[in-house]
Protein backbone atom coordinates (compact mmCIF):
# COMPACT_ATOMS: atom_id res chain seq x y z
CA MET A 1 -73.54 -14.61 -65.51
CA ALA A 2 -74.91 -14.38 -62.00
CA GLU A 3 -72.94 -13.20 -58.99
CA GLU A 4 -73.42 -14.92 -55.64
CA PHE A 5 -72.23 -13.42 -52.37
CA ASP A 6 -72.31 -15.60 -49.26
CA THR A 7 -72.37 -13.41 -46.18
CA ASP A 8 -71.72 -16.33 -43.84
CA ASP A 9 -68.21 -17.22 -45.03
CA LEU A 10 -67.38 -13.96 -46.83
CA SER A 11 -66.73 -15.74 -50.12
CA PHE A 12 -67.43 -14.17 -53.51
CA SER A 13 -68.29 -16.70 -56.18
CA PRO A 14 -69.11 -15.68 -59.76
CA SER A 15 -70.80 -18.75 -61.24
CA SER A 16 -72.26 -19.76 -64.55
CA SER A 17 -75.11 -22.06 -65.32
CA ASP A 18 -73.17 -23.55 -68.21
CA GLY A 19 -70.33 -24.86 -66.04
CA GLY A 20 -67.98 -21.91 -66.45
CA SER A 21 -65.03 -21.09 -64.17
CA LYS A 22 -65.75 -20.38 -60.55
CA GLY A 23 -63.70 -18.11 -58.30
CA SER A 24 -63.80 -17.82 -54.55
CA TYR A 25 -62.24 -15.79 -51.76
CA ASN A 26 -62.22 -16.56 -48.05
CA THR A 27 -61.00 -14.38 -45.28
CA VAL A 28 -58.37 -15.96 -43.04
CA ARG A 29 -59.29 -16.40 -39.42
CA PRO A 30 -56.66 -15.11 -37.02
CA SER A 31 -54.76 -18.05 -35.62
CA VAL A 32 -55.02 -18.68 -31.90
CA SER A 33 -51.85 -19.95 -30.33
CA HIS A 34 -52.16 -22.68 -27.70
CA ARG A 35 -48.47 -23.05 -27.12
CA PRO A 36 -47.33 -22.78 -23.50
CA SER A 37 -45.95 -19.40 -22.51
CA GLU A 38 -43.07 -20.96 -20.59
CA THR A 39 -41.55 -22.84 -23.54
CA PHE A 40 -38.48 -20.64 -23.91
CA ARG A 41 -37.88 -20.53 -20.15
CA ALA A 42 -38.19 -24.30 -19.87
CA ARG A 43 -35.88 -24.89 -22.81
CA LEU A 44 -33.30 -22.45 -21.46
CA THR A 45 -33.43 -24.09 -18.01
CA PHE A 46 -33.15 -27.52 -19.62
CA CYS A 47 -30.10 -26.36 -21.58
CA PHE A 48 -28.47 -25.20 -18.35
CA VAL A 49 -29.20 -28.56 -16.70
CA ILE A 50 -27.97 -30.61 -19.65
CA THR A 51 -24.82 -28.51 -19.88
CA ALA A 52 -24.13 -28.92 -16.16
CA ALA A 53 -24.90 -32.65 -16.28
CA MET A 54 -22.62 -33.24 -19.26
CA THR A 55 -19.87 -31.15 -17.68
CA ALA A 56 -20.20 -33.01 -14.39
CA ALA A 57 -20.31 -36.40 -16.15
CA ILE A 58 -17.24 -35.66 -18.26
CA LEU A 59 -15.39 -34.22 -15.29
CA SER A 60 -16.35 -37.19 -13.12
CA LEU A 61 -15.34 -39.67 -15.81
CA VAL A 62 -11.97 -38.03 -16.42
CA LEU A 63 -11.38 -37.65 -12.70
CA ALA A 64 -12.42 -41.23 -12.01
CA ILE A 65 -10.10 -42.63 -14.67
CA THR A 66 -7.22 -40.46 -13.55
CA TRP A 67 -7.97 -41.05 -9.87
CA GLU A 68 -8.26 -44.81 -10.32
CA SER A 69 -4.97 -45.00 -12.14
CA GLU A 70 -3.18 -42.78 -9.63
CA PHE A 71 -4.76 -44.56 -6.68
CA GLN A 72 -3.74 -47.99 -7.92
CA SER A 73 -0.25 -46.71 -8.58
CA TYR A 74 -0.16 -45.28 -5.07
CA THR A 75 -1.34 -48.53 -3.41
CA ARG A 76 1.12 -50.63 -5.43
CA GLU A 77 4.00 -48.32 -4.56
CA ASN A 78 2.93 -48.44 -0.92
CA MET A 79 2.89 -52.24 -0.84
CA GLN A 80 6.12 -52.41 -2.84
CA ARG A 81 7.71 -50.15 -0.27
CA ILE A 82 6.56 -52.51 2.51
CA ALA A 83 7.99 -55.53 0.67
CA THR A 84 11.30 -53.76 -0.04
CA THR A 85 11.65 -52.63 3.58
CA ALA A 86 10.94 -56.15 4.79
CA ALA A 87 13.52 -57.56 2.32
CA GLU A 88 16.18 -55.10 3.54
CA VAL A 89 15.52 -55.96 7.20
CA LEU A 90 15.66 -59.71 6.47
CA ALA A 91 18.87 -59.33 4.44
CA LYS A 92 20.56 -57.50 7.31
CA GLN A 93 19.46 -60.11 9.86
CA TYR A 94 20.42 -62.92 7.46
CA GLU A 95 24.01 -61.62 7.31
CA GLN A 96 24.20 -61.15 11.05
CA GLN A 97 23.00 -64.70 11.83
CA ASP A 98 24.52 -66.30 8.75
CA GLY A 99 21.40 -67.98 7.41
CA TRP A 100 17.65 -68.38 7.60
CA THR A 101 17.06 -68.94 11.26
CA LYS A 102 13.79 -68.74 13.14
CA SER A 103 14.86 -65.47 14.74
CA VAL A 104 15.49 -64.02 11.28
CA LEU A 105 12.02 -65.02 10.04
CA THR A 106 10.36 -63.34 13.02
CA TYR A 107 11.26 -60.05 11.38
CA ALA A 108 8.84 -60.91 8.53
CA ASN A 109 6.05 -60.14 10.99
CA SER A 110 6.95 -56.47 10.67
CA ALA A 111 5.56 -56.53 7.10
CA SER A 112 2.46 -58.62 7.73
CA SER A 113 1.56 -56.69 10.86
CA SER A 114 1.29 -53.39 8.89
CA SER A 115 -2.16 -54.46 7.59
CA GLU A 116 -4.62 -57.17 8.59
CA GLU A 117 -5.59 -57.77 4.92
CA MET A 118 -2.04 -58.20 3.60
CA GLY A 119 -0.38 -61.56 3.10
CA VAL A 120 3.40 -62.07 3.30
CA GLN A 121 5.57 -64.97 2.19
CA VAL A 122 9.33 -65.41 2.43
CA LEU A 123 11.15 -67.74 0.03
CA ASN A 124 14.78 -68.90 0.29
CA GLU A 125 17.31 -68.90 -2.49
CA TYR A 126 15.90 -72.19 -3.79
CA GLY A 127 12.32 -70.85 -4.11
CA GLU A 128 11.07 -72.76 -1.11
CA ILE A 129 8.54 -71.04 1.15
CA ILE A 130 10.15 -70.68 4.55
CA TYR A 131 7.64 -68.19 6.02
CA ASP A 132 3.91 -67.88 5.36
CA ASP A 133 1.37 -66.00 7.48
CA THR A 134 -1.54 -67.10 5.26
CA TRP A 135 -2.98 -69.55 7.82
CA ALA A 136 -3.14 -67.03 10.64
CA LEU A 137 -4.63 -64.36 8.33
CA ALA A 138 -7.21 -66.81 6.97
CA ARG A 139 -8.41 -67.62 10.46
CA ARG A 140 -8.72 -63.88 11.31
CA MET A 141 -10.75 -63.24 8.15
CA GLY A 142 -13.01 -66.28 8.61
CA TYR A 143 -11.59 -68.59 5.89
CA THR A 144 -11.21 -72.32 6.68
CA SER A 145 -8.11 -72.49 4.50
CA PRO A 146 -5.87 -70.00 2.72
CA THR A 147 -6.55 -71.47 -0.71
CA PRO A 148 -9.36 -69.09 -1.80
CA MET A 149 -7.40 -66.16 -0.43
CA LEU A 150 -4.37 -67.16 -2.45
CA ASP A 151 -6.46 -67.78 -5.54
CA SER A 152 -8.07 -64.32 -5.32
CA GLY A 153 -4.98 -62.40 -4.41
CA MET A 154 -2.11 -63.95 -6.40
CA GLU A 155 -3.19 -63.22 -9.98
CA GLY A 156 -2.31 -60.49 -12.44
CA ASN A 157 -0.81 -57.34 -10.97
CA SER A 158 -2.01 -58.12 -7.45
CA LEU A 159 1.40 -59.39 -6.25
CA VAL A 160 4.57 -57.45 -5.44
CA THR A 161 7.99 -59.00 -4.78
CA ALA A 162 11.32 -57.84 -3.41
CA ASP A 163 14.63 -59.74 -3.55
CA VAL A 164 16.53 -60.36 -0.35
CA ARG A 165 20.14 -59.54 -1.18
CA ILE A 166 23.08 -59.41 1.18
CA SER A 167 25.81 -56.76 1.04
CA ASP A 168 27.78 -58.41 -1.76
CA GLY A 169 24.66 -58.51 -3.97
CA THR A 170 23.99 -62.21 -3.64
CA LYS A 171 20.30 -63.10 -3.74
CA VAL A 172 19.45 -65.26 -0.76
CA GLY A 173 15.65 -65.11 -0.93
CA MET A 174 12.48 -63.23 -1.88
CA VAL A 175 9.62 -61.48 -0.11
CA ARG A 176 6.12 -61.62 -1.66
CA CYS A 177 3.23 -59.39 -0.54
CA TRP A 178 -0.37 -59.13 -1.64
CA ALA A 179 -3.77 -57.93 -0.47
CA PHE A 180 -6.33 -60.69 -0.01
CA GLY A 181 -9.60 -60.35 -1.94
CA SER A 182 -8.30 -57.62 -4.31
CA GLU A 183 -6.81 -57.60 -7.77
CA ALA A 184 -5.37 -54.10 -7.32
CA LEU A 185 -3.40 -54.52 -4.12
CA LEU A 186 -6.11 -52.66 -2.22
CA THR A 187 -6.76 -53.29 1.39
CA LYS A 188 -10.22 -52.84 2.84
CA SER A 189 -9.30 -49.38 4.12
CA ASP A 190 -7.92 -48.43 0.72
CA ALA A 191 -11.05 -49.69 -1.01
CA ALA A 192 -13.26 -47.83 1.46
CA PHE A 193 -11.29 -44.64 0.84
CA ARG A 194 -11.66 -45.08 -2.91
CA ASN A 195 -15.40 -45.73 -2.69
CA ASN A 196 -15.90 -42.71 -0.45
CA SER A 197 -14.01 -40.59 -2.96
CA TYR A 198 -16.24 -41.78 -5.78
CA ARG A 199 -19.34 -41.05 -3.72
CA ALA A 200 -18.03 -37.56 -3.02
CA ILE A 201 -17.46 -36.99 -6.77
CA PHE A 202 -20.95 -38.24 -7.56
CA GLY A 203 -22.45 -36.05 -4.84
CA ALA A 204 -20.61 -33.01 -6.16
CA ALA A 205 -21.89 -33.75 -9.68
CA CYS A 206 -25.47 -34.02 -8.44
CA PHE A 207 -25.10 -30.78 -6.50
CA ALA A 208 -23.71 -29.08 -9.61
CA VAL A 209 -26.72 -30.23 -11.65
CA ILE A 210 -29.18 -29.00 -9.01
CA LEU A 211 -27.33 -25.70 -8.74
CA ALA A 212 -27.36 -25.34 -12.54
CA CYS A 213 -31.10 -26.02 -12.53
CA VAL A 214 -31.72 -23.25 -10.00
CA ILE A 215 -29.37 -20.79 -11.72
CA GLY A 216 -30.81 -21.69 -15.13
CA TYR A 217 -34.36 -21.11 -13.92
CA PHE A 218 -33.69 -17.68 -12.47
CA THR A 219 -31.46 -16.71 -15.41
CA SER A 220 -34.13 -17.76 -17.90
CA LEU A 221 -36.70 -15.90 -15.80
CA ARG A 222 -34.60 -12.75 -16.04
CA LEU A 223 -34.08 -13.21 -19.79
CA THR A 224 -37.70 -14.00 -20.60
CA ARG A 225 -39.21 -11.18 -18.53
CA PRO A 226 -38.27 -8.45 -21.05
CA LEU A 227 -39.33 -10.73 -23.91
CA LYS A 228 -42.73 -11.13 -22.27
CA ILE A 229 -42.93 -7.36 -21.90
CA ILE A 230 -42.17 -6.93 -25.62
CA THR A 231 -44.75 -9.59 -26.51
CA SER A 232 -47.37 -7.95 -24.31
CA THR A 233 -46.63 -4.53 -25.78
CA ALA A 234 -46.86 -5.91 -29.32
CA SER A 235 -50.22 -7.46 -28.41
CA GLN A 236 -51.47 -4.10 -27.10
CA ILE A 237 -50.38 -2.37 -30.31
CA THR A 238 -52.09 -5.09 -32.35
CA LYS A 239 -55.31 -4.40 -30.42
CA GLY A 240 -55.07 -0.71 -31.30
CA ASP A 241 -53.25 0.82 -28.34
CA LEU A 242 -50.58 2.71 -30.25
CA THR A 243 -49.30 4.40 -27.09
CA ALA A 244 -48.04 1.11 -25.57
CA ARG A 245 -44.28 1.01 -25.00
CA THR A 246 -41.88 -1.49 -23.43
CA ASN A 247 -39.77 1.20 -21.70
CA LEU A 248 -36.81 -1.20 -21.83
CA HIS A 249 -33.34 0.31 -21.85
CA GLY A 250 -29.81 -1.05 -21.65
CA ASP A 251 -26.57 -1.63 -23.47
CA ASP A 252 -27.13 -5.36 -24.03
CA GLU A 253 -28.97 -6.95 -26.95
CA ILE A 254 -32.33 -7.17 -25.15
CA GLY A 255 -32.12 -3.55 -24.01
CA ARG A 256 -31.35 -2.41 -27.54
CA LEU A 257 -34.19 -4.62 -28.81
CA GLY A 258 -36.59 -2.88 -26.44
CA GLU A 259 -35.38 0.57 -27.49
CA THR A 260 -35.64 -0.37 -31.18
CA PHE A 261 -39.13 -1.78 -30.62
CA ASP A 262 -40.25 1.43 -28.91
CA SER A 263 -38.75 3.48 -31.71
CA MET A 264 -40.58 1.34 -34.23
CA ALA A 265 -43.84 1.73 -32.27
CA THR A 266 -43.38 5.51 -32.17
CA THR A 267 -42.76 5.60 -35.92
CA LEU A 268 -45.77 3.35 -36.51
CA GLU A 269 -47.96 5.56 -34.35
CA HIS A 270 -46.76 8.64 -36.23
CA ASP A 271 -47.27 7.01 -39.63
CA ILE A 272 -50.76 5.80 -38.76
CA LYS A 273 -51.69 9.26 -37.53
CA ILE A 274 -50.36 10.72 -40.78
CA GLU A 275 -52.30 8.09 -42.71
CA HIS A 276 -55.50 8.95 -40.88
CA ARG A 277 -54.86 12.64 -41.40
CA LEU A 278 -54.03 12.01 -45.06
CA THR A 279 -57.30 10.15 -45.53
CA SER A 280 -59.18 12.98 -43.87
CA ASP A 281 -57.32 15.63 -45.88
CA VAL A 282 -57.85 13.81 -49.17
CA ALA A 283 -61.55 13.47 -48.41
CA HIS A 284 -61.69 17.16 -47.54
CA GLU A 285 -59.76 18.22 -50.63
CA LEU A 286 -61.98 16.14 -52.90
CA ARG A 287 -65.23 17.00 -51.15
CA THR A 288 -64.90 20.78 -51.51
CA PRO A 289 -64.72 20.95 -55.32
CA LEU A 290 -67.19 18.07 -55.67
CA MET A 291 -69.73 19.86 -53.47
CA ALA A 292 -69.28 23.04 -55.47
CA MET A 293 -69.81 21.13 -58.71
CA LEU A 294 -72.81 19.24 -57.31
CA ALA A 295 -74.46 22.42 -56.01
CA THR A 296 -74.02 24.16 -59.36
CA VAL A 297 -75.29 21.19 -61.40
CA GLU A 298 -78.29 20.61 -59.11
CA GLY A 299 -79.11 24.32 -59.26
CA MET A 300 -79.12 24.19 -63.02
CA GLN A 301 -81.21 21.00 -63.00
CA ASP A 302 -83.77 22.57 -60.67
CA GLY A 303 -83.88 25.73 -62.75
CA VAL A 304 -82.58 27.84 -59.87
CA LEU A 305 -79.39 28.65 -61.80
CA PRO A 306 -79.24 29.22 -65.54
CA ALA A 307 -77.12 26.80 -67.57
CA ASP A 308 -75.00 29.61 -68.93
CA PHE A 309 -71.28 29.98 -69.56
CA GLU A 310 -70.57 31.38 -66.09
CA HIS A 311 -72.01 28.42 -64.20
CA LEU A 312 -70.60 25.89 -66.63
CA GLU A 313 -67.20 27.53 -66.16
CA THR A 314 -67.57 27.05 -62.39
CA VAL A 315 -68.08 23.33 -62.93
CA ALA A 316 -65.21 23.21 -65.43
CA GLY A 317 -62.89 25.10 -63.04
CA GLU A 318 -63.56 22.71 -60.17
CA THR A 319 -63.09 19.78 -62.53
CA ARG A 320 -59.73 21.17 -63.62
CA ARG A 321 -58.81 21.62 -59.95
CA LEU A 322 -59.70 17.98 -59.22
CA SER A 323 -57.66 16.91 -62.23
CA ARG A 324 -54.64 18.90 -61.04
CA LEU A 325 -55.00 17.44 -57.57
CA VAL A 326 -55.18 13.87 -58.84
CA ASP A 327 -52.25 14.44 -61.20
CA ALA A 328 -50.18 15.91 -58.37
CA MET A 329 -50.97 12.97 -56.10
CA LEU A 330 -50.10 10.46 -58.84
CA HIS A 331 -46.88 12.33 -59.56
CA LEU A 332 -45.95 12.32 -55.87
CA SER A 333 -46.77 8.63 -55.60
CA ARG A 334 -44.56 7.78 -58.60
CA ILE A 335 -41.64 9.72 -57.17
CA GLU A 336 -42.05 8.10 -53.72
CA ASN A 337 -42.22 4.61 -55.21
CA GLY A 338 -39.29 5.21 -57.55
CA LYS A 339 -41.45 4.58 -60.61
CA GLU A 340 -40.42 7.88 -62.18
CA ALA A 341 -36.87 7.28 -63.37
CA LEU A 342 -34.36 10.08 -62.95
CA LYS A 343 -32.75 11.44 -66.11
CA ILE A 344 -29.40 12.50 -64.69
CA GLU A 345 -27.40 15.12 -66.58
CA HIS A 346 -24.28 17.12 -65.77
CA THR A 347 -26.16 20.39 -65.31
CA ASP A 348 -24.99 23.99 -64.74
CA MET A 349 -27.05 24.94 -61.68
CA VAL A 350 -26.32 28.68 -62.04
CA TYR A 351 -27.68 28.66 -65.59
CA LEU A 352 -30.72 26.56 -64.57
CA ALA A 353 -31.71 28.81 -61.65
CA HIS A 354 -31.06 32.06 -63.54
CA ASN A 355 -33.16 31.01 -66.54
CA LEU A 356 -35.97 29.98 -64.22
CA VAL A 357 -35.94 33.39 -62.53
CA VAL A 358 -36.02 35.11 -65.93
CA ALA A 359 -38.98 32.97 -67.02
CA GLN A 360 -40.93 33.64 -63.80
CA HIS A 361 -40.10 37.35 -63.53
CA GLN A 362 -43.18 38.62 -65.40
CA LEU A 363 -45.52 36.44 -63.37
CA PHE A 364 -44.12 37.81 -60.11
CA HIS A 365 -44.29 41.35 -61.51
CA GLU A 366 -48.00 40.90 -62.24
CA LYS A 367 -48.52 39.89 -58.58
CA GLY A 368 -46.80 43.06 -57.44
CA LEU A 369 -43.69 41.20 -56.19
CA HIS A 370 -39.98 41.77 -56.81
CA LEU A 371 -38.04 38.69 -57.98
CA ARG A 372 -34.25 38.72 -57.91
CA PHE A 373 -31.41 36.29 -58.63
CA GLU A 374 -27.98 36.11 -56.97
CA ASN A 375 -24.97 33.94 -57.77
CA ASP A 376 -23.14 33.65 -54.47
CA SER A 377 -21.05 30.62 -55.51
CA GLY A 378 -18.05 32.60 -56.74
CA LYS A 379 -18.21 30.68 -60.03
CA GLU A 380 -19.80 31.51 -63.35
CA GLU A 381 -20.62 27.85 -63.89
CA LEU A 382 -21.45 25.36 -61.12
CA TYR A 383 -22.21 21.82 -62.23
CA ALA A 384 -24.02 18.98 -60.47
CA ASP A 385 -25.38 15.60 -61.54
CA VAL A 386 -29.16 16.07 -61.38
CA ASP A 387 -32.37 15.56 -63.28
CA PRO A 388 -32.82 19.16 -64.54
CA ASP A 389 -36.57 18.80 -65.12
CA LEU A 390 -37.26 17.59 -61.58
CA ILE A 391 -34.96 20.19 -60.00
CA ARG A 392 -36.68 22.86 -62.04
CA GLU A 393 -40.04 21.53 -60.80
CA ALA A 394 -38.81 21.63 -57.19
CA LEU A 395 -37.65 25.25 -57.57
CA VAL A 396 -40.92 26.27 -59.24
CA ASN A 397 -42.81 24.78 -56.28
CA LEU A 398 -40.72 26.80 -53.82
CA MET A 399 -41.04 29.99 -55.88
CA SER A 400 -44.80 29.50 -56.26
CA ASN A 401 -45.06 28.93 -52.53
CA ALA A 402 -43.14 32.16 -51.90
CA MET A 403 -45.31 34.09 -54.36
CA ARG A 404 -48.48 32.70 -52.79
CA TYR A 405 -47.63 33.74 -49.23
CA THR A 406 -45.79 37.01 -49.84
CA PRO A 407 -47.88 40.19 -49.67
CA GLU A 408 -47.86 42.67 -52.54
CA GLY A 409 -44.69 44.75 -52.65
CA GLY A 410 -42.59 42.00 -51.09
CA TRP A 411 -39.34 40.47 -52.32
CA VAL A 412 -38.41 36.93 -53.41
CA LEU A 413 -34.72 36.09 -53.76
CA VAL A 414 -33.35 33.00 -55.54
CA LYS A 415 -29.69 32.43 -54.70
CA VAL A 416 -27.12 29.82 -55.77
CA ALA A 417 -24.20 29.11 -53.41
CA TYR A 418 -21.42 26.55 -53.17
CA ASP A 419 -20.79 24.68 -49.94
CA ARG A 420 -18.29 22.05 -51.03
CA PRO A 421 -19.15 19.38 -52.01
CA GLU A 422 -22.78 20.58 -52.25
CA VAL A 423 -24.64 23.05 -54.41
CA VAL A 424 -27.08 25.11 -52.37
CA ILE A 425 -30.10 26.77 -54.02
CA SER A 426 -32.23 28.88 -51.71
CA VAL A 427 -35.55 30.67 -52.17
CA GLN A 428 -36.05 33.50 -49.67
CA ASP A 429 -39.21 35.57 -49.30
CA THR A 430 -40.57 38.37 -47.13
CA GLY A 431 -43.93 36.69 -46.69
CA ILE A 432 -46.12 35.74 -43.74
CA GLY A 433 -43.65 33.16 -42.42
CA ILE A 434 -44.40 29.86 -40.68
CA ALA A 435 -45.17 29.35 -37.03
CA LYS A 436 -42.41 27.54 -35.13
CA GLU A 437 -44.66 24.64 -34.18
CA ASP A 438 -45.72 24.13 -37.81
CA ILE A 439 -42.28 23.93 -39.42
CA SER A 440 -41.99 20.16 -38.81
CA ARG A 441 -45.28 19.58 -40.68
CA ILE A 442 -44.83 21.71 -43.79
CA PHE A 443 -43.80 18.76 -46.00
CA THR A 444 -46.94 16.80 -45.09
CA ARG A 445 -49.48 16.34 -47.85
CA PHE A 446 -52.24 18.98 -47.97
CA TRP A 447 -50.71 20.97 -45.12
CA ARG A 448 -51.37 24.71 -45.18
CA SER A 449 -50.69 27.35 -42.62
CA ASP A 450 -53.69 28.69 -40.76
CA ALA A 451 -53.33 31.95 -42.64
CA SER A 452 -53.94 30.20 -45.95
CA ARG A 453 -56.85 27.97 -45.06
CA GLU A 454 -59.29 30.27 -46.84
CA ARG A 455 -57.86 29.01 -50.17
CA VAL A 456 -57.46 32.45 -51.69
CA SER A 457 -54.02 31.34 -52.84
CA GLY A 458 -55.43 28.40 -54.74
CA GLY A 459 -52.67 25.96 -53.72
CA LEU A 460 -53.19 22.21 -53.71
CA GLY A 461 -51.08 21.57 -50.59
CA VAL A 462 -48.80 18.92 -52.14
CA GLY A 463 -46.10 21.12 -53.72
CA LEU A 464 -43.72 20.96 -50.76
CA SER A 465 -44.24 17.19 -50.44
CA ILE A 466 -43.26 16.75 -54.08
CA THR A 467 -40.26 19.04 -53.61
CA LYS A 468 -39.01 17.04 -50.64
CA GLU A 469 -39.36 13.74 -52.51
CA ILE A 470 -37.46 15.14 -55.50
CA VAL A 471 -34.60 16.28 -53.26
CA ASP A 472 -34.59 12.91 -51.47
CA GLN A 473 -34.34 11.12 -54.82
CA HIS A 474 -31.17 13.14 -55.50
CA ASN A 475 -29.66 12.15 -52.13
CA GLY A 476 -29.95 15.76 -51.04
CA THR A 477 -31.52 17.61 -48.13
CA ILE A 478 -33.83 20.57 -47.74
CA THR A 479 -33.78 23.00 -44.83
CA VAL A 480 -36.29 25.60 -43.69
CA GLU A 481 -35.72 28.78 -41.71
CA SER A 482 -38.69 31.01 -40.95
CA VAL A 483 -39.71 33.89 -38.72
CA GLU A 484 -43.44 34.39 -38.43
CA GLY A 485 -44.45 37.70 -39.97
CA GLN A 486 -41.02 38.31 -41.54
CA GLY A 487 -40.44 35.59 -44.14
CA THR A 488 -39.18 32.11 -44.95
CA THR A 489 -36.07 30.65 -46.56
CA PHE A 490 -36.04 27.20 -48.19
CA SER A 491 -32.58 25.82 -49.06
CA ILE A 492 -31.97 22.79 -51.27
CA HIS A 493 -28.61 21.05 -50.74
CA LEU A 494 -27.57 18.83 -53.65
CA PRO A 495 -24.32 16.83 -53.86
CA GLN A 496 -22.34 17.58 -57.00
CA GLU A 497 -21.55 13.90 -57.51
CA ASN A 498 -23.84 11.38 -55.85
CA GLY A 499 -23.34 8.24 -57.92
CA LEU A 500 -26.73 8.51 -59.62
CA ARG A 501 -25.20 9.34 -62.97
CA SER A 502 -22.82 6.36 -63.02
CA ALA A 503 -25.60 4.04 -61.82
CA GLN A 504 -27.89 5.28 -64.57
CA SER A 505 -25.15 4.82 -67.18
CA ALA A 506 -24.62 1.24 -66.03
CA ILE A 507 -28.36 0.54 -66.38
CA LEU A 508 -28.43 2.04 -69.88
CA GLU A 509 -25.39 -0.03 -70.91
CA ASP A 510 -27.07 -3.22 -69.71
């Protein structure tokens, strides 16, 4: 089977001359966005305008309907009042002159003279028209006859009437009033007033829409400015500028978004720096034993060094060191990724720590160190739900760290205490201590203090990282107190009951 690699499109294609399966891989080109940058601003402004327009339209419609109804009611009541007043005046004059005389009918002019567009008729008790100003009004308005005026003004609700009744209640006639050319009893002045009102409402609606457009534009401009800043900052970070920040602050959602974005960028910058440092440290840690092995093997190949037990042991020792390093890294990776399941047991922490001190006592004695155990909990037995193997591993790492950095003749104290509801196990030494500026970095992979860079201690530099991950898996915390030149104290705080045991039991039952 031949392998073909096309450098133009970065596709890898294993092919076969006999028609076998063919695989391919293509890198994805970064998409280039051609969308306008003002889309959100335009949409937000448009929403403001639409909202204002709909509000103005609904308000105008409701106002127009209400206004039209009230205005028609007002004009009808006004004309009815004129007709009633005229009927009362005519009734009084009718009684005084005892009938429909010409002098009585002259008082009908008081009604028709109130408006040039209003027609008035007076009927007697038999329904006969005895007064009609239609002819005079028609001539003033330019009609050749009153017929079209009557036809346009005497239909529907365009007519009002009032009975002419004398003091004893007898009906002696009727007054009829209407507005010529209108079906709603509107005179020209009334109609002009109504039209002007509608124009004012329409003008106010248009002004509201324009005002909403202006306010919407500037509001959207204010809202989109921080979003553009966030977008620009994200673009800078994407291009590799990890120091870019939005510097946005505030109690509103956008301010909190800016602060969260900056926090995320800071964390990203820190993580990438750690990643770069980790890559460098791993390369350094692997290169040192590999170079030692390569130099020894090449020396033996060239005949410079004899292929004896001593030199083969050097190669074997560096190989074992590489193996331990790889195993430690794999172990740390499994713990971090949760692939190493916890085996939670109700464990006596006093018994666990004491037995560990007993087992390690001879080793410390051989190094010229004093190892001591103290139970400061006030209880002979102190239980917690933990994975005893992992906790034992964490304590061994701390004790080994103390032994490695404590000069001969020094002391190492392992103490168990109870700080309800937590069990506290501390490892205190009288070693070289840790510089104040280095304390925040001690749990980083491959970190060593400057005093231990010469590797005489033989540490891999991942023990504290593993310890921290183990404590984190138990929902606990680890604290460090150190004085350079005087010693260091590591304290593991573990909750007695953290729910891990019940969760594990539920998983086993399933």
